[in-house]
């Protein structure tokens, strides 16, 4: 069995594989992804600390607010063109 994406014996790809567009994948290497991830991680760490310290409900709800801000910031940055297409 041969696959269409394998090189031919002469070292060239067949026409059907060469004509397919290459999709660029960022794997989260965008400003929007990093901002959302860092804010979300900070929110979860802060929320975890709040639960260990008592629980401290004020600190916990601040962490929840930071998590919501991280979602909003990610979507706004994506809309501004700083995210993956």
Protein backbone atom coordinates (compact mmCIF):
# COMPACT_ATOMS: atom_id res chain seq x y z
CA UNK A 1 0.00 0.00 0.00
CA UNK A 2 1.27 3.43 -0.86
CA UNK A 3 0.06 6.70 0.54
CA UNK A 4 -0.41 9.76 -1.63
CA UNK A 5 1.72 11.87 0.72
CA UNK A 6 4.81 9.66 0.43
CA UNK A 7 7.63 10.82 -1.83
CA UNK A 8 7.96 9.14 -5.19
CA UNK A 9 11.18 7.25 -6.01
CA UNK A 10 12.58 10.34 -7.74
CA UNK A 11 12.25 12.32 -4.50
CA UNK A 12 9.24 14.41 -5.54
CA UNK A 13 5.72 14.40 -4.13
CA UNK A 14 2.86 13.45 -6.42
CA UNK A 15 0.60 16.22 -7.76
CA UNK A 16 -2.34 15.62 -5.40
CA UNK A 17 -0.22 15.95 -2.24
CA UNK A 18 1.62 19.01 -3.54
CA UNK A 19 -1.59 20.87 -4.40
CA UNK A 20 -3.08 20.58 -0.90
CA UNK A 21 -2.67 23.77 1.15
CA UNK A 22 -0.61 23.48 4.31
CA UNK A 23 -2.54 24.46 7.42
CA UNK A 24 -0.43 26.44 9.90
CA UNK A 25 -1.00 25.34 13.49
CA UNK A 26 0.06 27.73 16.26
CA UNK A 27 -0.17 25.26 19.17
CA UNK A 28 -1.08 28.15 21.46
CA UNK A 29 1.86 30.36 20.56
CA UNK A 30 -0.22 33.52 20.40
CA UNK A 31 -0.62 36.52 22.65
CA UNK A 32 -4.26 35.64 23.30
CA UNK A 33 -3.43 32.08 24.32
CA UNK A 34 -0.59 33.09 26.64
CA UNK A 35 -2.59 35.86 28.29
CA UNK A 36 -5.59 33.61 28.90
CA UNK A 37 -3.44 30.74 30.16
CA UNK A 38 -1.40 32.86 32.57
CA UNK A 39 -4.46 34.60 34.01
CA UNK A 40 -6.36 31.31 34.35
CA UNK A 41 -3.40 29.63 36.05
CA UNK A 42 -3.07 32.54 38.47
CA UNK A 43 -6.80 32.32 39.21
CA UNK A 44 -6.67 28.59 39.95
CA UNK A 45 -3.58 28.95 42.15
CA UNK A 46 -5.19 31.82 44.05
CA UNK A 47 -8.42 29.86 44.40
CA UNK A 48 -6.51 26.86 45.72
CA UNK A 49 -4.67 29.00 48.25
CA UNK A 50 -7.99 30.52 49.31
CA UNK A 51 -9.42 27.06 49.99
CA UNK A 52 -6.38 25.97 51.99
CA UNK A 53 -6.39 29.12 54.13
CA UNK A 54 -9.63 28.65 55.86
CA UNK A 55 -11.55 28.71 53.39
CA UNK A 56 -11.21 32.39 52.63
CA UNK A 57 -14.33 33.07 50.54
CA UNK A 58 -13.37 36.64 49.63
CA UNK A 59 -10.09 35.48 48.11
CA UNK A 60 -11.88 32.59 46.39
CA UNK A 61 -14.40 34.90 44.67
CA UNK A 62 -11.57 37.21 43.61
CA UNK A 63 -9.98 34.16 41.96
CA UNK A 64 -13.27 33.38 40.20
CA UNK A 65 -13.40 36.98 38.93
CA UNK A 66 -9.84 36.67 37.59
CA UNK A 67 -10.86 33.49 35.78
CA UNK A 68 -13.78 35.29 34.13
CA UNK A 69 -11.44 38.16 33.16
CA UNK A 70 -9.06 35.63 31.58
CA UNK A 71 -11.85 34.29 29.35
CA UNK A 72 -12.92 37.79 28.32
CA UNK A 73 -9.33 38.92 27.70
CA UNK A 74 -8.65 35.88 25.52
CA UNK A 75 -11.74 36.49 23.38
CA UNK A 76 -11.00 40.22 23.05
CA UNK A 77 -7.40 39.55 22.01
CA UNK A 78 -8.57 36.95 19.47
CA UNK A 79 -11.03 39.48 18.03
CA UNK A 80 -8.20 42.01 17.77
CA UNK A 81 -6.17 39.56 15.69
CA UNK A 82 -3.73 38.35 18.35
CA UNK A 83 -5.01 34.76 18.33
CA UNK A 84 -4.99 31.82 15.97
CA UNK A 85 -7.34 31.92 12.99
